[in-house]
Protein backbone atom coordinates (compact mmCIF):
# COMPACT_ATOMS: atom_id res chain seq x y z
CA SER A 1 34.30 64.46 -129.03
CA GLU A 2 33.02 67.86 -127.93
CA LEU A 3 33.52 67.00 -124.31
CA GLU A 4 37.16 65.99 -124.86
CA SER A 5 37.96 69.06 -126.92
CA GLU A 6 36.57 71.42 -124.24
CA SER A 7 38.32 69.72 -121.34
CA SER A 8 41.84 70.73 -122.44
CA THR A 9 41.47 74.34 -121.32
CA PHE A 10 40.24 75.83 -118.09
CA ALA A 11 38.38 79.05 -117.24
CA ARG A 12 40.97 79.96 -114.60
CA ASP A 13 44.51 81.12 -115.34
CA GLU A 14 47.08 78.34 -115.21
CA ASP A 15 49.49 80.37 -112.95
CA ASP A 16 46.64 81.00 -110.54
CA MET A 17 45.84 77.28 -110.30
CA LEU A 18 49.54 76.37 -109.78
CA SER A 19 49.93 79.01 -107.09
CA GLU A 20 46.92 77.67 -105.18
CA ARG A 21 48.35 74.18 -105.42
CA GLU A 22 51.66 75.23 -103.96
CA ASP A 23 50.02 77.26 -101.20
CA ARG A 24 47.71 74.36 -100.27
CA LEU A 25 50.36 71.63 -100.30
CA TYR A 26 53.77 72.99 -99.54
CA VAL A 27 53.70 76.46 -97.89
CA ASP A 28 52.38 77.59 -94.58
CA GLY A 29 50.61 80.86 -93.75
CA SER A 30 53.86 82.86 -93.46
CA GLY A 31 55.10 81.70 -96.85
CA LEU A 32 57.75 79.38 -95.45
CA THR A 33 58.19 75.73 -96.44
CA LYS A 34 56.38 73.47 -94.01
CA ILE A 35 58.37 71.43 -91.51
CA ARG A 36 56.56 68.09 -91.23
CA GLU A 37 55.83 66.77 -87.78
CA ARG A 38 56.56 63.17 -86.80
CA CYS A 39 53.73 61.21 -85.17
CA ILE A 40 52.63 57.75 -84.19
CA LEU A 41 49.18 56.26 -84.88
CA ILE A 42 47.13 54.28 -82.37
CA GLY A 43 44.08 52.33 -83.56
CA VAL A 44 41.60 50.34 -81.51
CA GLU A 45 39.14 47.82 -82.87
CA ASN A 46 35.96 47.61 -80.90
CA LEU A 47 35.00 43.96 -80.96
CA ALA A 48 31.52 44.70 -79.65
CA ALA A 49 30.92 46.89 -82.78
CA LYS A 50 32.30 44.06 -84.98
CA PHE A 51 29.80 41.69 -83.43
CA ARG A 52 26.93 44.13 -84.05
CA GLU A 53 27.95 44.31 -87.71
CA ARG A 54 27.89 40.51 -88.14
CA LYS A 55 24.41 40.47 -86.56
CA ALA A 56 23.19 43.30 -88.78
CA LEU A 57 24.41 41.45 -91.93
CA GLN A 58 22.25 38.50 -90.97
CA SER A 59 19.24 40.78 -90.91
CA SER A 60 17.19 41.26 -94.06
CA ASN A 61 16.31 44.88 -93.15
CA PRO A 62 18.90 47.24 -94.75
CA GLU A 63 18.03 49.96 -92.21
CA GLU A 64 19.59 47.89 -89.47
CA TRP A 65 22.86 47.68 -91.28
CA GLU A 66 25.66 49.74 -89.71
CA VAL A 67 28.61 51.06 -91.72
CA TYR A 68 31.59 49.30 -90.12
CA PHE A 69 35.14 49.64 -91.27
CA THR A 70 37.62 47.01 -90.08
CA LEU A 71 40.68 48.08 -88.12
CA GLU A 72 42.93 47.71 -91.17
CA GLN A 73 40.63 49.61 -93.44
CA SER A 74 40.18 52.48 -90.93
CA MET A 75 43.94 52.67 -90.31
CA ASP A 76 44.60 52.92 -94.07
CA GLU A 77 42.24 55.93 -94.16
CA MET A 78 43.96 57.50 -91.09
CA LYS A 79 47.36 57.20 -92.91
CA GLU A 80 45.96 59.29 -95.76
CA LEU A 81 44.54 61.84 -93.31
CA ILE A 82 47.96 62.13 -91.54
CA SER A 83 49.70 62.61 -94.85
CA THR A 84 47.20 65.23 -95.94
CA ALA A 85 47.61 67.06 -92.64
CA GLY A 86 51.37 67.35 -93.30
CA MET A 87 52.81 64.80 -90.81
CA ASP A 88 55.12 61.91 -91.22
CA LEU A 89 54.06 58.62 -89.66
CA SER A 90 56.78 56.94 -87.52
CA GLY A 91 54.99 53.95 -86.12
CA ILE A 92 51.64 52.20 -85.54
CA ILE A 93 50.20 50.57 -82.45
CA THR A 94 46.93 48.61 -82.55
CA GLN A 95 44.75 46.97 -79.93
CA ARG A 96 41.57 44.97 -79.96
CA LEU A 97 39.24 45.59 -76.99
CA HIS A 98 35.70 44.53 -76.01
CA ASP A 99 35.37 47.76 -73.95
CA VAL A 100 37.64 50.78 -74.14
CA ASN A 101 39.37 52.12 -71.03
CA PRO A 102 37.15 54.99 -69.75
CA ARG A 103 40.25 56.89 -68.50
CA THR A 104 42.87 56.48 -71.24
CA TYR A 105 40.87 54.74 -74.01
CA ILE A 106 43.71 52.17 -74.42
CA GLY A 107 45.18 49.83 -71.78
CA THR A 108 47.98 50.97 -69.50
CA GLY A 109 50.40 48.57 -71.22
CA LYS A 110 49.74 50.16 -74.63
CA VAL A 111 50.29 53.63 -73.09
CA LYS A 112 53.80 52.54 -71.96
CA GLU A 113 54.35 50.96 -75.38
CA ALA A 114 53.39 54.24 -77.06
CA GLN A 115 55.74 56.19 -74.73
CA GLU A 116 58.67 53.98 -75.76
CA LEU A 117 57.83 54.33 -79.45
CA LEU A 118 57.68 58.16 -79.05
CA ASP A 119 61.16 58.14 -77.48
CA GLU A 120 62.60 55.84 -80.12
CA SER A 121 61.19 57.71 -83.15
CA ASP A 122 61.61 61.22 -81.63
CA SER A 123 57.94 61.98 -82.40
CA CYS A 124 55.92 64.75 -80.69
CA THR A 125 52.38 63.81 -81.68
CA VAL A 126 50.06 60.83 -80.86
CA VAL A 127 47.13 60.40 -83.33
CA PHE A 128 44.19 58.23 -82.24
CA ASP A 129 41.85 56.66 -84.70
CA ALA A 130 38.86 57.47 -82.42
CA GLU A 131 36.95 60.32 -80.95
CA LEU A 132 38.39 60.90 -77.49
CA SER A 133 36.54 62.59 -74.67
CA PRO A 134 38.13 65.66 -73.09
CA GLY A 135 38.93 63.67 -69.94
CA GLN A 136 40.66 60.89 -71.91
CA GLN A 137 42.67 63.40 -73.92
CA LYS A 138 43.83 65.15 -70.73
CA ALA A 139 44.73 61.85 -69.00
CA LEU A 140 46.75 60.72 -72.04
CA GLU A 141 48.62 64.03 -72.29
CA ASN A 142 49.51 63.85 -68.60
CA ALA A 143 50.68 60.21 -69.05
CA PHE A 144 52.93 61.04 -72.01
CA ASN A 145 54.32 64.21 -70.31
CA THR A 146 54.76 62.83 -66.77
CA GLU A 147 58.48 63.67 -66.62
CA ILE A 148 57.83 67.27 -67.75
CA ILE A 149 55.04 67.80 -65.19
CA GLN A 150 57.19 66.41 -62.34
CA ASN A 151 60.17 68.68 -63.16
CA ASP A 152 58.04 71.80 -63.81
CA PHE A 153 58.25 73.62 -60.55
CA LEU A 154 57.02 76.94 -61.99
CA GLY A 155 53.66 75.48 -63.06
CA SER A 156 54.19 76.03 -66.79
CA GLU A 157 51.46 74.54 -68.95
CA SER A 158 53.68 73.69 -71.88
CA MET A 159 53.34 70.09 -73.21
CA THR A 160 55.91 68.38 -75.42
CA ILE A 161 53.71 65.45 -76.51
CA LYS A 162 50.35 66.34 -78.11
CA VAL A 163 47.36 63.95 -78.30
CA VAL A 164 45.16 64.38 -81.39
CA ASP A 165 42.03 62.39 -82.05
CA ARG A 166 40.33 61.75 -85.40
CA THR A 167 38.06 64.81 -85.11
CA ALA A 168 40.88 67.21 -84.38
CA LEU A 169 42.88 65.81 -87.30
CA ILE A 170 40.02 66.35 -89.77
CA LEU A 171 39.42 69.84 -88.35
CA ASP A 172 43.16 70.67 -88.87
CA ILE A 173 42.95 69.54 -92.48
CA PHE A 174 39.91 71.73 -93.00
CA ALA A 175 41.72 74.69 -91.35
CA GLN A 176 44.64 74.25 -93.73
CA HIS A 177 42.45 74.02 -96.86
CA ALA A 178 39.97 76.85 -96.02
CA LYS A 179 40.78 79.87 -98.24
CA THR A 180 37.52 81.68 -98.77
CA ARG A 181 35.80 83.83 -96.08
CA GLU A 182 32.90 81.43 -95.87
CA GLY A 183 35.13 78.36 -95.51
CA LYS A 184 37.26 80.09 -92.78
CA LEU A 185 34.14 81.08 -90.83
CA GLN A 186 32.71 77.57 -90.88
CA VAL A 187 35.98 75.91 -89.88
CA ASP A 188 36.50 78.52 -87.12
CA LEU A 189 33.08 77.72 -85.72
CA ALA A 190 33.74 73.96 -85.80
CA LEU A 191 37.12 74.49 -84.04
CA HIS A 192 35.61 76.61 -81.29
CA GLU A 193 32.79 74.03 -80.76
CA TYR A 194 35.50 71.32 -80.47
CA ARG A 195 37.70 73.33 -78.11
CA LYS A 196 34.93 74.54 -75.80
CA PRO A 197 35.01 71.45 -73.47
CA ARG A 198 38.87 71.17 -73.82
CA LEU A 199 39.99 74.55 -72.63
CA THR A 200 42.36 73.26 -69.95
CA LYS A 201 46.02 73.60 -71.04
CA MET A 202 44.94 75.97 -73.81
CA TRP A 203 44.59 79.72 -74.09
CA THR A 204 47.51 80.19 -71.68
CA HIS A 205 47.92 83.94 -72.35
CA LEU A 206 45.22 84.76 -69.72
CA GLU A 207 46.16 84.82 -66.03
CA ARG A 208 43.90 84.50 -62.98
CA GLN A 209 42.32 87.71 -61.85
CA SER A 210 42.69 88.71 -58.21
CA GLY A 211 39.66 90.04 -56.34
CA ALA A 212 41.51 93.23 -55.19
CA GLY A 213 39.05 96.01 -55.45
CA GLY A 214 38.16 97.19 -52.00
CA VAL A 215 35.70 96.19 -49.30
CA GLY A 216 33.01 93.89 -50.68
CA LEU A 217 34.89 93.08 -53.83
CA ARG A 218 37.71 90.85 -52.47
CA GLY A 219 37.73 87.19 -53.37
CA PRO A 220 39.24 84.76 -55.87
CA GLY A 221 37.80 86.67 -58.80
CA GLU A 222 37.03 85.18 -62.18
CA SER A 223 39.30 82.23 -62.92
CA GLN A 224 41.14 81.84 -66.19
CA LEU A 225 38.92 78.90 -67.25
CA GLU A 226 35.76 80.97 -66.67
CA ILE A 227 37.19 83.78 -68.78
CA ASP A 228 38.15 81.31 -71.48
CA LYS A 229 34.70 79.75 -71.56
CA ARG A 230 33.05 83.18 -71.79
CA LEU A 231 35.37 84.26 -74.63
CA VAL A 232 34.75 81.08 -76.57
CA ARG A 233 30.99 81.24 -76.05
CA ASP A 234 30.93 84.86 -77.25
CA ARG A 235 33.07 84.02 -80.27
CA ILE A 236 30.73 81.14 -81.19
CA ILE A 237 27.71 83.51 -81.10
CA VAL A 238 29.53 85.99 -83.39
CA LEU A 239 30.54 83.22 -85.82
CA LYS A 240 27.04 81.87 -85.99
CA ARG A 241 25.67 85.33 -86.81
CA LYS A 242 28.24 85.78 -89.60
CA ILE A 243 27.50 82.33 -91.01
CA ASP A 244 23.76 83.11 -90.97
CA SER A 245 24.50 86.22 -93.08
CA VAL A 246 26.50 84.03 -95.43
CA GLN A 247 23.61 81.60 -95.63
CA LYS A 248 21.24 84.47 -96.52
CA GLN A 249 23.61 85.44 -99.38
CA ARG A 250 23.69 81.86 -100.57
CA ASP A 251 19.82 81.77 -100.42
CA ILE A 252 19.73 84.81 -102.63
CA HIS A 253 22.18 83.38 -105.13
CA ARG A 254 20.27 80.04 -105.09
CA LYS A 255 16.94 81.93 -105.73
CA GLY A 256 18.55 83.75 -108.66
CA ARG A 257 19.67 80.40 -110.10
CA SER A 258 16.23 78.88 -109.56
CA ASN A 259 14.67 81.74 -111.54
CA LEU A 260 16.62 80.51 -114.55
CA GLY A 261 14.57 77.32 -114.48
CA LEU A 262 17.68 75.12 -114.89
CA PRO A 263 17.96 71.89 -112.93
CA VAL A 264 20.68 71.74 -110.30
CA LEU A 265 22.99 68.68 -110.20
CA ALA A 266 25.07 68.33 -106.97
CA LEU A 267 28.29 66.24 -107.05
CA VAL A 268 28.43 64.29 -103.77
CA GLY A 269 30.57 61.39 -102.60
CA TYR A 270 33.36 60.19 -100.34
CA THR A 271 36.41 62.44 -100.09
CA ASN A 272 38.97 61.95 -102.92
CA ALA A 273 36.44 60.16 -105.10
CA GLY A 274 37.10 62.45 -108.11
CA LYS A 275 34.27 65.02 -107.85
CA SER A 276 36.38 68.10 -108.66
CA THR A 277 38.10 66.23 -111.50
CA LEU A 278 34.69 65.45 -112.99
CA LEU A 279 33.54 69.05 -112.57
CA ASN A 280 36.73 70.26 -114.30
CA TYR A 281 36.21 67.81 -117.20
CA LEU A 282 32.65 68.90 -117.79
CA THR A 283 32.87 72.64 -117.11
CA ARG A 284 36.58 73.60 -117.32
CA ALA A 285 36.09 75.36 -113.94
CA GLY A 286 39.79 75.01 -112.89
CA VAL A 287 38.87 73.85 -109.39
CA MET A 288 41.85 72.36 -107.55
CA ALA A 289 41.82 68.60 -107.92
CA GLU A 290 44.51 66.66 -106.07
CA ASP A 291 45.02 63.10 -104.76
CA ILE A 292 44.49 64.27 -101.22
CA LEU A 293 41.59 64.21 -98.81
CA PHE A 294 39.28 67.22 -98.54
CA ALA A 295 40.84 69.23 -101.38
CA THR A 296 37.42 70.93 -101.88
CA LEU A 297 35.76 72.81 -99.02
CA ASP A 298 33.79 75.58 -100.78
CA PRO A 299 30.97 74.63 -103.24
CA THR A 300 31.50 75.68 -106.83
CA THR A 301 28.55 76.03 -109.20
CA ARG A 302 28.93 76.27 -112.96
CA LYS A 303 26.46 76.30 -115.84
CA VAL A 304 27.33 73.59 -118.27
CA LYS A 305 25.84 72.51 -121.58
CA LEU A 306 26.16 68.74 -121.88
CA PRO A 307 26.34 67.53 -125.48
CA GLY A 308 23.56 65.09 -126.33
CA LEU A 309 21.38 66.14 -123.39
CA LYS A 310 17.89 66.49 -124.81
CA THR A 311 15.80 66.94 -121.59
CA HIS A 312 17.69 70.05 -120.44
CA PRO A 313 20.27 71.47 -122.81
CA GLU A 314 21.88 73.39 -119.92
CA VAL A 315 22.22 72.39 -116.21
CA LEU A 316 23.88 73.83 -113.14
CA LEU A 317 26.62 71.59 -111.71
CA THR A 318 27.75 72.04 -108.09
CA ASP A 319 30.84 70.58 -106.55
CA THR A 320 30.52 70.02 -102.72
CA VAL A 321 32.72 68.99 -99.77
CA GLY A 322 33.51 65.35 -99.56
CA PHE A 323 32.12 63.04 -96.86
CA ILE A 324 34.02 60.57 -94.68
CA GLN A 325 33.05 57.86 -92.18
CA LYS A 326 32.54 59.13 -88.55
CA LEU A 327 32.12 62.67 -89.91
CA PRO A 328 32.53 65.00 -86.90
CA THR A 329 29.23 66.43 -85.67
CA GLN A 330 30.90 69.85 -85.35
CA LEU A 331 31.55 69.91 -89.10
CA VAL A 332 28.04 68.91 -90.03
CA ALA A 333 26.64 71.73 -87.86
CA ALA A 334 29.22 74.32 -89.04
CA PHE A 335 28.92 73.49 -92.72
CA ARG A 336 25.11 73.60 -92.83
CA ALA A 337 25.28 76.59 -95.24
CA THR A 338 27.42 74.49 -97.63
CA LEU A 339 25.31 71.35 -97.22
CA GLU A 340 22.20 73.39 -98.16
CA GLU A 341 23.50 73.19 -101.76
CA VAL A 342 23.02 69.40 -101.53
CA LYS A 343 19.56 69.65 -99.96
CA GLU A 344 18.32 72.08 -102.66
CA ALA A 345 19.68 70.13 -105.61
CA ASP A 346 17.26 68.39 -108.03
CA VAL A 347 19.53 65.37 -108.70
CA LEU A 348 22.52 64.08 -106.76
CA VAL A 349 25.44 62.75 -108.72
CA HIS A 350 27.09 60.28 -106.33
CA VAL A 351 30.70 59.87 -107.43
CA ILE A 352 32.29 56.64 -106.17
CA ASP A 353 35.98 55.68 -106.26
CA SER A 354 35.62 52.23 -107.83
CA SER A 355 39.44 51.68 -107.53
CA ASN A 356 39.16 51.69 -103.72
CA PRO A 357 38.74 48.15 -102.25
CA VAL A 358 36.12 49.39 -99.76
CA TRP A 359 34.05 51.52 -102.17
CA GLU A 360 30.84 49.75 -101.14
CA LYS A 361 31.28 50.81 -97.50
CA GLN A 362 32.22 54.29 -98.59
CA GLU A 363 28.95 54.43 -100.57
CA MET A 364 26.96 53.36 -97.48
CA ALA A 365 28.72 55.99 -95.39
CA VAL A 366 27.80 58.72 -97.91
CA LYS A 367 24.15 57.57 -97.96
CA SER A 368 24.07 57.70 -94.16
CA VAL A 369 25.28 61.32 -94.17
CA LEU A 370 22.81 62.23 -96.88
CA THR A 371 19.98 60.81 -94.76
CA ASP A 372 21.20 62.72 -91.70
CA ILE A 373 21.10 66.08 -93.54
CA GLY A 374 17.69 65.41 -95.06
CA ALA A 375 18.72 64.63 -98.66
CA GLY A 376 18.33 60.87 -98.70
CA ASP A 377 15.15 60.94 -100.80
CA LYS A 378 16.70 62.85 -103.80
CA PRO A 379 17.04 61.13 -107.17
CA ILE A 380 20.61 59.73 -107.28
CA VAL A 381 22.89 58.94 -110.22
CA ARG A 382 25.61 56.46 -109.16
CA VAL A 383 28.88 57.24 -110.96
CA LEU A 384 31.56 54.55 -110.60
CA ASN A 385 34.64 56.67 -111.20
CA LYS A 386 38.35 55.88 -111.79
CA ILE A 387 37.86 52.80 -113.95
CA ASP A 388 41.14 53.81 -115.70
CA LEU A 389 42.97 52.56 -112.54
CA LEU A 390 41.40 49.09 -112.81
CA ASP A 391 42.56 46.17 -114.92
CA ASP A 392 40.94 46.05 -118.36
CA ASP A 393 38.90 42.95 -117.56
CA VAL A 394 37.69 44.29 -114.21
CA ALA A 395 36.82 47.71 -115.77
CA GLU A 396 34.88 46.03 -118.59
CA ASP A 397 32.89 43.89 -116.13
CA LEU A 398 32.13 46.99 -113.98
CA VAL A 399 30.89 48.93 -117.03
CA TYR A 400 28.57 46.03 -117.91
CA GLU A 401 27.34 45.60 -114.34
CA ALA A 402 26.61 49.34 -114.02
CA ALA A 403 24.64 49.24 -117.31
CA MET A 404 22.51 46.29 -116.04
CA MET A 405 21.69 47.83 -112.60
CA PRO A 406 18.09 48.80 -112.17
CA ASP A 407 18.91 52.20 -110.72
CA HIS A 408 20.74 55.10 -112.53
CA SER A 409 24.35 53.82 -112.62
CA VAL A 410 27.25 54.34 -114.94
CA ALA A 411 30.99 53.56 -114.92
CA ILE A 412 33.32 56.32 -116.11
CA SER A 413 36.83 57.78 -115.97
CA SER A 414 36.87 61.56 -115.26
CA THR A 415 40.51 61.65 -116.24
CA SER A 416 40.41 59.98 -119.69
CA GLY A 417 36.74 60.78 -120.46
CA GLU A 418 35.69 57.20 -120.93
CA GLY A 419 31.95 56.65 -120.40
CA MET A 420 31.01 60.40 -120.52
CA VAL A 421 28.40 59.77 -123.22
CA ASP A 422 26.75 57.13 -120.99
CA LEU A 423 26.97 59.58 -118.06
CA VAL A 424 24.98 62.20 -119.96
CA SER A 425 22.39 59.61 -121.02
CA THR A 426 22.04 58.37 -117.34
CA ILE A 427 21.68 61.94 -116.02
CA GLU A 428 18.95 62.55 -118.61
CA ASP A 429 17.08 59.44 -117.55
CA ALA A 430 17.18 60.65 -113.93
CA MET A 431 16.03 64.17 -114.78
CA MET A 432 13.03 62.90 -116.85
CA GLY A 433 11.40 61.96 -113.54
CA LEU A 434 11.53 65.65 -112.52
CA LEU A 435 9.51 66.76 -115.62
CA VAL A 436 5.74 66.73 -116.03
CA PRO A 437 3.95 66.36 -119.41
CA ILE A 438 2.09 69.38 -120.82
CA GLU A 439 -0.04 69.99 -123.91
CA VAL A 440 -0.60 73.69 -124.51
CA VAL A 441 -1.53 76.14 -127.24
CA LEU A 442 0.45 79.41 -126.74
CA PRO A 443 -0.73 82.57 -128.54
CA TYR A 444 1.77 83.98 -130.95
CA ALA A 445 2.14 86.98 -128.65
CA ASN A 446 3.58 84.67 -125.95
CA GLY A 447 6.85 83.89 -127.82
CA LYS A 448 8.70 84.22 -124.51
CA GLU A 449 6.96 81.22 -123.05
CA VAL A 450 7.66 79.19 -126.19
CA ASN A 451 11.31 80.00 -125.88
CA MET A 452 11.26 79.08 -122.16
CA VAL A 453 9.80 75.59 -122.89
CA GLN A 454 12.50 74.98 -125.44
CA GLU A 455 15.28 76.05 -123.05
CA VAL A 456 14.30 74.25 -119.87
CA GLY A 457 12.19 71.36 -121.18
CA HIS A 458 12.03 68.61 -123.76
CA VAL A 459 9.71 69.34 -126.72
CA GLU A 460 8.24 66.23 -128.22
CA GLU A 461 5.89 67.83 -130.76
CA MET A 462 5.55 71.39 -132.02
CA GLU A 463 2.94 72.71 -134.52
CA PHE A 464 1.96 76.21 -135.69
CA ARG A 465 -1.84 76.56 -135.76
CA ASP A 466 -4.21 79.38 -136.49
CA ASP A 467 -4.74 80.20 -132.77
CA GLY A 468 -1.11 79.82 -131.72
CA THR A 469 1.75 77.43 -131.22
CA TYR A 470 0.86 73.89 -130.20
CA LEU A 471 3.40 72.23 -127.91
CA LEU A 472 3.54 68.69 -126.54
CA ALA A 473 6.49 68.73 -124.15
CA ARG A 474 7.84 67.79 -120.71
CA VAL A 475 8.83 70.71 -118.44
CA PRO A 476 9.69 71.32 -114.75
CA GLU A 477 6.69 71.54 -112.47
CA ALA A 478 7.14 75.30 -111.86
CA VAL A 479 6.99 75.97 -115.59
CA ALA A 480 3.94 73.67 -115.98
CA ASN A 481 2.07 75.66 -113.34
CA ARG A 482 2.96 78.91 -115.12
CA LEU A 483 1.55 77.61 -118.36
CA ARG A 484 -1.62 76.16 -116.87
CA PRO A 485 -3.93 78.83 -118.41
CA PHE A 486 -2.90 77.67 -121.86
CA TYR A 487 -3.58 73.93 -121.31
CA VAL A 488 -5.41 72.04 -124.07
CA SER A 489 -8.67 70.45 -122.76
CA PRO A 490 -11.05 67.93 -124.57
CA ASP A 491 -14.24 69.43 -126.01
CA VAL A 492 -17.72 67.85 -126.15
CA ASN A 493 -17.23 66.56 -129.70
CA GLY A 494 -14.24 64.45 -128.78
CA GLY A 495 -11.78 66.97 -130.18
CA ARG A 496 -9.47 69.26 -128.28
CA LYS A 497 -9.74 72.95 -127.56
CA ALA A 498 -7.58 75.47 -125.77
CA ALA A 499 -8.69 76.54 -122.31
CA SER A 500 -9.43 80.24 -122.26
CA GLY A 501 -7.51 81.74 -119.36
CA GLY A 502 -7.73 78.45 -117.50
CA GLU A 503 -11.12 79.40 -115.96
CA GLU A 504 -14.76 78.74 -116.89
CA GLU A 505 -16.58 81.60 -118.59
CA ILE A 506 -18.87 83.42 -116.17
CA ASP A 507 -22.54 84.02 -117.27
CA TRP A 508 -23.20 87.32 -115.58
CA VAL A 509 -26.79 87.51 -116.93
CA ALA A 510 -27.65 84.18 -115.31
CA ILE A 511 -26.10 85.31 -112.03
CA GLY A 512 -28.18 88.46 -112.11
CA ARG A 513 -31.46 86.50 -112.64
CA GLY A 514 -30.59 84.07 -109.87
CA ARG A 515 -30.32 81.11 -112.30
CA HIS A 516 -26.65 80.35 -111.78
CA ALA A 517 -25.68 76.90 -110.53
CA LYS A 518 -25.28 76.58 -106.80
CA LYS A 519 -21.89 75.41 -105.56
């Protein structure tokens, strides 16, 4: 088919794509091969949250449902995050608690067990599948580095064992994958927001200032922590200003695209669901698509002509950053310029990894994030991707179930191209709701408007009459408002006549004699 023939080549050079893949996966910033750290993973299942989930499932109100991943499901996701961050997992420790320890998050016995596992595996990093408070992170680092602290008579602040929570791990992955100026600015802002309450044991290049300066100026001076806080605060202000300028540029680009009158489709979904692969298949954009988490950070927009699409022959397709459960609030705030692409889209194409056993929960997590950013009321096309990884019988049943669902759903494979024709038809059904019907007669001097209707709308009937071109079509609301002066209105004899200028003819003689109708 036409889609399959066009997907074999990409707009980007193949060497450029391979170089980016090597840089992103195997080489650090200095060009040297990465040395992978060894770490252990600690996971805690909150039994109180599990009880709330069971209670919510008994409720008939979907708004009360809470996205809850079991300990095993969440730990599987953390293993992928650790691998993507470039670390090797040496061991796993789990614990089930009704209430977490406010000081160390896990019990004291588990802290000792983790210390023994660190010594046995010669690991230097402890990763927690949770969001730790600054106090908990400091207490855990002190517990794992007790011997170093006791033998450190010089007061050095070097730590051998690092404690990393889920938020820090995701931010580190984003920092590795950010390549454009916009992506680096947004990740830098998120990192500074995260580090602001955790400045102790960090930024060690600054010493305490003495108050020596003469009479009236003696005293302890400004402490290192106060200097660090001020520097971080100033840096955050500068980064926010730069991101605001980037957002203004994006608004200008978005306005230019909106002037084209083309509908915008945004690819959203859980991370590693296959959004970039689908974009590459449809547009040959050459965007990096790998079996890793958060391979895409910067949105990519391409104009694509989908074969068989009658409503809009051409659309704008945007690839966006993937979502994940427990998405750090720092990332949502820092990536607001990127998430604007989702909010301004006409239709959301929700790509779902149907080969993942927990794809239903992933779908709920994505919907929760969309609601948080104000895009939950957009028309959504559910795309059940990766059916090529399923058994033939399971894939066939999924295709049938998707076709029978009341909403806009379709099952495809963005790798093999299976189901792409159904995808185009489903997208067309979703976009039909964005169009409004019009019936106009355009004078022959307005050939530009006729061409515009044919490009951005769906023409159902076209007739050349004495007074102009008659069109019965469906177009976007903005185009319909522009063509309002040429609408066809019913006349007194039951026929139809073209409205002249869209306004009633003014009888100036009657107005002058005072005989005009009062309003």
